[in-house]
Amino acid sequence: MLIELVEKIRTEGKNLGNGILKVDGFINHRVDAALMQQCGIAFADLFRETQPDLVLTAEISGIAPALMTASALQCKVVYARKKRPVTMPENAYMALAPSHTKGSITPLMVSPEFLGAGERVLIIDDFLASGQTIKGLVDLCDQAGATLVGIGALVEKTFEHGRKLLSECDVPIHSLAQITALTEDGIELA
């Protein structure tokens, strides 16, 4: 647990109902760079022994924590695109993931030139809720023949049981803040 992140959630996070936690003032719209740097260092400390070659995330909200983690680990970061740019080859790896906040299915795509067989991959994302987005990233690793070495999330909504879905990956899973409930009374943190 990272106390600074937990405190930010406590003071600035907002429960919007339907399991949605609004943290766009410091994680995913306006980014608190100093906080993300602390998070990256915390993830690096947790996962350094896994010796990742690269950090994989989903655009856009996962980029800040993934970039800071990769910087602390001195490795590259790759983010799965949600729309195929003209520069991406047709044989790109692709997975589909339901988006709770968008209410739709989101494609996740990575060019084969940026995710390869035998690479040791650490997945870092902003949220671990149902686990579907991270599962999509795991699927991209599998398609590439890469080796998944760990999964990290800034915020885990334990009540959505995503960790259980990801437990079959048999890698370390860490979150820096855990939300045990979003109720009318507010945000319950572990």
C-alpha atoms as a PDB file:
ATOM      1  CA  MET A   1       0.000   0.000   0.000  1.00  0.00           C
ATOM      2  CA  LEU A   2       1.250   3.483  -0.845  1.00  0.00           C
ATOM      3  CA  ILE A   3       0.060   5.919   1.835  1.00  0.00           C
ATOM      4  CA  GLU A   4       0.245   8.975  -0.439  1.00  0.00           C
ATOM      5  CA  LEU A   5      -2.020   7.328  -3.033  1.00  0.00           C
ATOM      6  CA  VAL A   6      -4.472   6.133  -0.386  1.00  0.00           C
ATOM      7  CA  GLU A   7      -4.633   9.650   1.080  1.00  0.00           C
ATOM      8  CA  LYS A   8      -5.287  11.186  -2.361  1.00  0.00           C
ATOM      9  CA  ILE A   9      -8.132   8.740  -2.938  1.00  0.00           C
ATOM     10  CA  ARG A  10      -9.521   9.501   0.516  1.00  0.00           C
ATOM     11  CA  THR A  11      -9.414  13.297   0.033  1.00  0.00           C
ATOM     12  CA  GLU A  12     -10.011  13.734  -3.711  1.00  0.00           C
ATOM     13  CA  GLY A  13     -11.682  10.528  -4.949  1.00  0.00           C
ATOM     14  CA  LYS A  14     -15.419  10.556  -5.560  1.00  0.00           C
ATOM     15  CA  ASN A  15     -17.881   7.684  -5.658  1.00  0.00           C
ATOM     16  CA  LEU A  16     -20.057   8.278  -8.733  1.00  0.00           C
ATOM     17  CA  GLY A  17     -22.219   5.204  -8.121  1.00  0.00           C
ATOM     18  CA  ASN A  18     -22.431   1.971 -10.117  1.00  0.00           C
ATOM     19  CA  GLY A  19     -18.908   1.032  -9.004  1.00  0.00           C
ATOM     20  CA  ILE A  20     -17.279   4.079 -10.618  1.00  0.00           C
ATOM     21  CA  LEU A  21     -14.526   5.834  -8.668  1.00  0.00           C
ATOM     22  CA  LYS A  22     -13.640   9.294  -9.990  1.00  0.00           C
ATOM     23  CA  VAL A  23      -9.895   9.896  -9.654  1.00  0.00           C
ATOM     24  CA  ASP A  24      -9.383  11.983 -12.771  1.00  0.00           C
ATOM     25  CA  GLY A  25      -7.971  14.886 -10.766  1.00  0.00           C
ATOM     26  CA  PHE A  26      -4.733  13.009 -10.095  1.00  0.00           C
ATOM     27  CA  ILE A  27      -4.575   9.741 -12.095  1.00  0.00           C
ATOM     28  CA  ASN A  28      -6.296   9.786 -15.448  1.00  0.00           C
ATOM     29  CA  HIS A  29      -7.174  13.241 -16.746  1.00  0.00           C
ATOM     30  CA  ARG A  30      -4.974  15.588 -14.778  1.00  0.00           C
ATOM     31  CA  VAL A  31      -1.973  13.574 -13.623  1.00  0.00           C
ATOM     32  CA  ASP A  32      -0.096  14.225 -10.380  1.00  0.00           C
ATOM     33  CA  ALA A  33       3.391  13.546 -11.767  1.00  0.00           C
ATOM     34  CA  ALA A  34       5.084  13.472  -8.353  1.00  0.00           C
ATOM     35  CA  LEU A  35       2.548  10.932  -7.084  1.00  0.00           C
ATOM     36  CA  MET A  36       2.946   8.814 -10.233  1.00  0.00           C
ATOM     37  CA  GLN A  37       6.710   8.896  -9.735  1.00  0.00           C
ATOM     38  CA  GLN A  38       6.250   7.584  -6.174  1.00  0.00           C
ATOM     39  CA  CYS A  39       3.938   4.874  -7.537  1.00  0.00           C
ATOM     40  CA  GLY A  40       6.490   3.899 -10.188  1.00  0.00           C
ATOM     41  CA  ILE A  41       9.203   3.577  -7.555  1.00  0.00           C
ATOM     42  CA  ALA A  42       6.880   1.506  -5.340  1.00  0.00           C
ATOM     43  CA  PHE A  43       6.068  -0.851  -8.243  1.00  0.00           C
ATOM     44  CA  ALA A  44       9.753  -1.106  -9.150  1.00  0.00           C
ATOM     45  CA  ASP A  45      10.530  -2.117  -5.566  1.00  0.00           C
ATOM     46  CA  LEU A  46       7.760  -4.743  -5.645  1.00  0.00           C
ATOM     47  CA  PHE A  47       8.663  -6.214  -9.050  1.00  0.00           C
ATOM     48  CA  ARG A  48      12.419  -5.642  -9.493  1.00  0.00           C
ATOM     49  CA  GLU A  49      13.224  -9.309  -8.790  1.00  0.00           C
ATOM     50  CA  THR A  50      10.981 -10.397 -11.700  1.00  0.00           C
ATOM     51  CA  GLN A  51      13.485  -8.708 -14.075  1.00  0.00           C
ATOM     52  CA  PRO A  52      11.028  -7.373 -16.677  1.00  0.00           C
ATOM     53  CA  ASP A  53      12.251  -6.350 -20.128  1.00  0.00           C
ATOM     54  CA  LEU A  54       9.254  -4.095 -20.600  1.00  0.00           C
ATOM     55  CA  VAL A  55       6.139  -2.737 -18.944  1.00  0.00           C
ATOM     56  CA  LEU A  56       2.833  -3.212 -20.789  1.00  0.00           C
ATOM     57  CA  THR A  57      -0.308  -1.169 -20.190  1.00  0.00           C
ATOM     58  CA  ALA A  58      -3.503  -0.005 -21.910  1.00  0.00           C
ATOM     59  CA  GLU A  59      -3.933   3.501 -23.234  1.00  0.00           C
ATOM     60  CA  ILE A  60      -4.618   6.021 -21.844  1.00  0.00           C
ATOM     61  CA  SER A  61      -4.975   5.884 -18.073  1.00  0.00           C
ATOM     62  CA  GLY A  62      -2.301   3.248 -17.564  1.00  0.00           C
ATOM     63  CA  ILE A  63       0.426   5.182 -19.347  1.00  0.00           C
ATOM     64  CA  ALA A  64       1.491   7.457 -16.464  1.00  0.00           C
ATOM     65  CA  PRO A  65       2.038   4.698 -13.855  1.00  0.00           C
ATOM     66  CA  ALA A  66       3.517   2.352 -16.470  1.00  0.00           C
ATOM     67  CA  LEU A  67       5.960   4.998 -17.704  1.00  0.00           C
ATOM     68  CA  MET A  68       7.109   5.860 -14.187  1.00  0.00           C
ATOM     69  CA  THR A  69       7.500   2.162 -13.347  1.00  0.00           C
ATOM     70  CA  ALA A  70       9.503   1.522 -16.514  1.00  0.00           C
ATOM     71  CA  SER A  71      11.671   4.532 -15.726  1.00  0.00           C
ATOM     72  CA  ALA A  72      12.390   3.219 -12.222  1.00  0.00           C
ATOM     73  CA  LEU A  73      13.160  -0.240 -13.632  1.00  0.00           C
ATOM     74  CA  GLN A  74      15.151   1.197 -16.548  1.00  0.00           C
ATOM     75  CA  CYS A  75      13.187  -0.698 -19.174  1.00  0.00           C
ATOM     76  CA  LYS A  76      10.842   0.136 -22.035  1.00  0.00           C
ATOM     77  CA  VAL A  77       7.094   0.697 -21.855  1.00  0.00           C
ATOM     78  CA  VAL A  78       4.553  -0.404 -24.470  1.00  0.00           C
ATOM     79  CA  TYR A  79       0.922   0.560 -24.402  1.00  0.00           C
ATOM     80  CA  ALA A  80      -1.882  -1.278 -26.132  1.00  0.00           C
ATOM     81  CA  ARG A  81      -3.691   1.040 -28.509  1.00  0.00           C
ATOM     82  CA  LYS A  82      -7.481   1.199 -28.554  1.00  0.00           C
ATOM     83  CA  LYS A  83      -7.676   2.406 -32.157  1.00  0.00           C
ATOM     84  CA  ARG A  84      -5.481   1.110 -34.945  1.00  0.00           C
ATOM     85  CA  PRO A  85      -3.286   3.875 -36.389  1.00  0.00           C
ATOM     86  CA  VAL A  86      -2.269   3.659 -40.052  1.00  0.00           C
ATOM     87  CA  THR A  87       1.275   2.840 -38.881  1.00  0.00           C
ATOM     88  CA  MET A  88       0.177  -0.396 -37.187  1.00  0.00           C
ATOM     89  CA  PRO A  89       0.459  -3.551 -39.298  1.00  0.00           C
ATOM     90  CA  GLU A  90      -2.579  -5.686 -40.066  1.00  0.00           C
ATOM     91  CA  ASN A  91      -1.073  -8.613 -38.137  1.00  0.00           C
ATOM     92  CA  ALA A  92      -1.143  -6.699 -34.840  1.00  0.00           C
ATOM     93  CA  TYR A  93      -1.971  -8.654 -31.717  1.00  0.00           C
ATOM     94  CA  MET A  94      -5.521  -7.889 -30.594  1.00  0.00           C
ATOM     95  CA  ALA A  95      -7.686  -8.658 -27.586  1.00  0.00           C
ATOM     96  CA  LEU A  96     -11.138  -7.411 -26.588  1.00  0.00           C
ATOM     97  CA  ALA A  97     -11.985  -6.161 -23.107  1.00  0.00           C
ATOM     98  CA  PRO A  98     -15.277  -4.870 -21.671  1.00  0.00           C
ATOM     99  CA  SER A  99     -14.968  -1.303 -20.358  1.00  0.00           C
ATOM    100  CA  HIS A 100     -16.973  -0.576 -17.218  1.00  0.00           C
ATOM    101  CA  THR A 101     -16.615   3.202 -17.544  1.00  0.00           C
ATOM    102  CA  LYS A 102     -17.392   3.295 -21.277  1.00  0.00           C
ATOM    103  CA  GLY A 103     -20.077   0.603 -21.210  1.00  0.00           C
ATOM    104  CA  SER A 104     -18.698  -1.064 -24.343  1.00  0.00           C
ATOM    105  CA  ILE A 105     -16.157  -3.571 -25.619  1.00  0.00           C
ATOM    106  CA  THR A 106     -12.712  -2.037 -26.127  1.00  0.00           C
ATOM    107  CA  PRO A 107     -10.124  -3.456 -28.517  1.00  0.00           C
ATOM    108  CA  LEU A 108      -6.512  -3.562 -27.309  1.00  0.00           C
ATOM    109  CA  MET A 109      -3.819  -3.764 -30.019  1.00  0.00           C
ATOM    110  CA  VAL A 110      -0.025  -4.010 -30.026  1.00  0.00           C
ATOM    111  CA  SER A 111       2.316  -4.192 -33.007  1.00  0.00           C
ATOM    112  CA  PRO A 112       4.351  -7.422 -33.126  1.00  0.00           C
ATOM    113  CA  GLU A 113       7.527  -5.337 -33.475  1.00  0.00           C
ATOM    114  CA  PHE A 114       7.014  -3.991 -29.922  1.00  0.00           C
ATOM    115  CA  LEU A 115       6.010  -7.170 -28.073  1.00  0.00           C
ATOM    116  CA  GLY A 116       7.969 -10.295 -28.860  1.00  0.00           C
ATOM    117  CA  ALA A 117       8.514 -13.912 -27.953  1.00  0.00           C
ATOM    118  CA  GLY A 118      10.598 -14.461 -24.863  1.00  0.00           C
ATOM    119  CA  GLU A 119      10.297 -10.894 -23.551  1.00  0.00           C
ATOM    120  CA  ARG A 120       9.635 -10.649 -19.827  1.00  0.00           C
ATOM    121  CA  VAL A 121       6.548  -8.456 -19.377  1.00  0.00           C
ATOM    122  CA  LEU A 122       5.247  -6.633 -16.331  1.00  0.00           C
ATOM    123  CA  ILE A 123       1.672  -5.349 -16.696  1.00  0.00           C
ATOM    124  CA  ILE A 124       0.901  -2.084 -14.886  1.00  0.00           C
ATOM    125  CA  ASP A 125      -2.518  -0.414 -15.096  1.00  0.00           C
ATOM    126  CA  ASP A 126      -4.502   2.215 -13.251  1.00  0.00           C
ATOM    127  CA  PHE A 127      -7.298  -0.070 -12.003  1.00  0.00           C
ATOM    128  CA  LEU A 128      -7.814  -3.722 -11.198  1.00  0.00           C
ATOM    129  CA  ALA A 129     -11.582  -4.108 -10.959  1.00  0.00           C
ATOM    130  CA  SER A 130     -13.198  -6.980 -12.869  1.00  0.00           C
ATOM    131  CA  GLY A 131      -9.783  -7.831 -14.310  1.00  0.00           C
ATOM    132  CA  GLN A 132     -11.026  -7.789 -17.904  1.00  0.00           C
ATOM    133  CA  THR A 133      -8.662  -5.109 -19.252  1.00  0.00           C
ATOM    134  CA  ILE A 134      -5.647  -6.698 -17.606  1.00  0.00           C
ATOM    135  CA  LYS A 135      -6.802 -10.115 -18.869  1.00  0.00           C
ATOM    136  CA  GLY A 136      -6.825  -8.590 -22.370  1.00  0.00           C
ATOM    137  CA  LEU A 137      -3.216  -7.467 -21.841  1.00  0.00           C
ATOM    138  CA  VAL A 138      -2.331 -10.984 -20.647  1.00  0.00           C
ATOM    139  CA  ASP A 139      -3.894 -12.342 -23.855  1.00  0.00           C
ATOM    140  CA  LEU A 140      -1.661 -10.000 -25.909  1.00  0.00           C
ATOM    141  CA  CYS A 141       1.389 -11.406 -24.095  1.00  0.00           C
ATOM    142  CA  ASP A 142       0.229 -14.938 -24.849  1.00  0.00           C
ATOM    143  CA  GLN A 143      -0.272 -14.122 -28.541  1.00  0.00           C
ATOM    144  CA  ALA A 144       3.261 -12.711 -28.711  1.00  0.00           C
ATOM    145  CA  GLY A 145       4.829 -15.639 -26.873  1.00  0.00           C
ATOM    146  CA  ALA A 146       6.048 -13.218 -24.201  1.00  0.00           C
ATOM    147  CA  THR A 147       6.514 -14.250 -20.569  1.00  0.00           C
ATOM    148  CA  LEU A 148       4.283 -12.505 -18.058  1.00  0.00           C
ATOM    149  CA  VAL A 149       6.234 -11.842 -14.842  1.00  0.00           C
ATOM    150  CA  GLY A 150       3.821  -9.724 -12.785  1.00  0.00           C
ATOM    151  CA  ILE A 151       0.714  -7.559 -12.613  1.00  0.00           C
ATOM    152  CA  GLY A 152       0.368  -4.253 -10.796  1.00  0.00           C
ATOM    153  CA  ALA A 153      -2.505  -1.795 -10.411  1.00  0.00           C
ATOM    154  CA  LEU A 154      -2.611   1.580  -8.747  1.00  0.00           C
ATOM    155  CA  VAL A 155      -6.101   0.959  -7.369  1.00  0.00           C
ATOM    156  CA  GLU A 156      -7.796  -2.383  -6.810  1.00  0.00           C
ATOM    157  CA  LYS A 157     -11.540  -2.612  -6.276  1.00  0.00           C
ATOM    158  CA  THR A 158     -11.467  -5.824  -4.261  1.00  0.00           C
ATOM    159  CA  PHE A 159     -15.265  -6.135  -4.329  1.00  0.00           C
ATOM    160  CA  GLU A 160     -15.187  -6.713  -8.122  1.00  0.00           C
ATOM    161  CA  HIS A 161     -12.992  -9.827  -7.692  1.00  0.00           C
ATOM    162  CA  GLY A 162     -10.655  -9.196 -10.653  1.00  0.00           C
ATOM    163  CA  ARG A 163      -7.735 -10.688  -8.732  1.00  0.00           C
ATOM    164  CA  LYS A 164      -9.538 -14.044  -8.775  1.00  0.00           C
ATOM    165  CA  LEU A 165      -9.819 -13.923 -12.582  1.00  0.00           C
ATOM    166  CA  LEU A 166      -6.104 -13.146 -12.872  1.00  0.00           C
ATOM    167  CA  SER A 167      -4.951 -15.720 -10.296  1.00  0.00           C
ATOM    168  CA  GLU A 168      -4.672 -18.317 -13.076  1.00  0.00           C
ATOM    169  CA  CYS A 169      -1.744 -16.268 -14.460  1.00  0.00           C
ATOM    170  CA  ASP A 170       0.368 -17.549 -11.554  1.00  0.00           C
ATOM    171  CA  VAL A 171       2.433 -14.355 -11.216  1.00  0.00           C
ATOM    172  CA  PRO A 172       2.731 -11.814  -8.390  1.00  0.00           C
ATOM    173  CA  ILE A 173      -0.183  -9.357  -8.315  1.00  0.00           C
ATOM    174  CA  HIS A 174       0.184  -6.120  -6.356  1.00  0.00           C
ATOM    175  CA  SER A 175      -1.976  -3.036  -5.918  1.00  0.00           C
ATOM    176  CA  LEU A 176      -0.935   0.191  -4.225  1.00  0.00           C
ATOM    177  CA  ALA A 177      -4.409   0.996  -2.851  1.00  0.00           C
ATOM    178  CA  GLN A 178      -7.388  -1.265  -2.230  1.00  0.00           C
ATOM    179  CA  ILE A 179     -11.006  -0.150  -2.247  1.00  0.00           C
ATOM    180  CA  THR A 180     -13.174  -2.613  -0.355  1.00  0.00           C
ATOM    181  CA  ALA A 181     -16.492  -0.862  -1.070  1.00  0.00           C
ATOM    182  CA  LEU A 182     -18.057   2.148  -2.718  1.00  0.00           C
ATOM    183  CA  THR A 183     -21.157   3.022  -0.685  1.00  0.00           C
ATOM    184  CA  GLU A 184     -23.522   5.920  -0.155  1.00  0.00           C
ATOM    185  CA  ASP A 185     -21.337   6.832   2.806  1.00  0.00           C
ATOM    186  CA  GLY A 186     -18.218   7.058   0.651  1.00  0.00           C
ATOM    187  CA  ILE A 187     -15.099   5.143  -0.270  1.00  0.00           C
ATOM    188  CA  GLU A 188     -13.983   2.302   1.998  1.00  0.00           C
ATOM    189  CA  LEU A 189     -10.252   1.666   1.798  1.00  0.00           C
ATOM    190  CA  ALA A 190      -8.371  -1.371   3.113  1.00  0.00           C
END
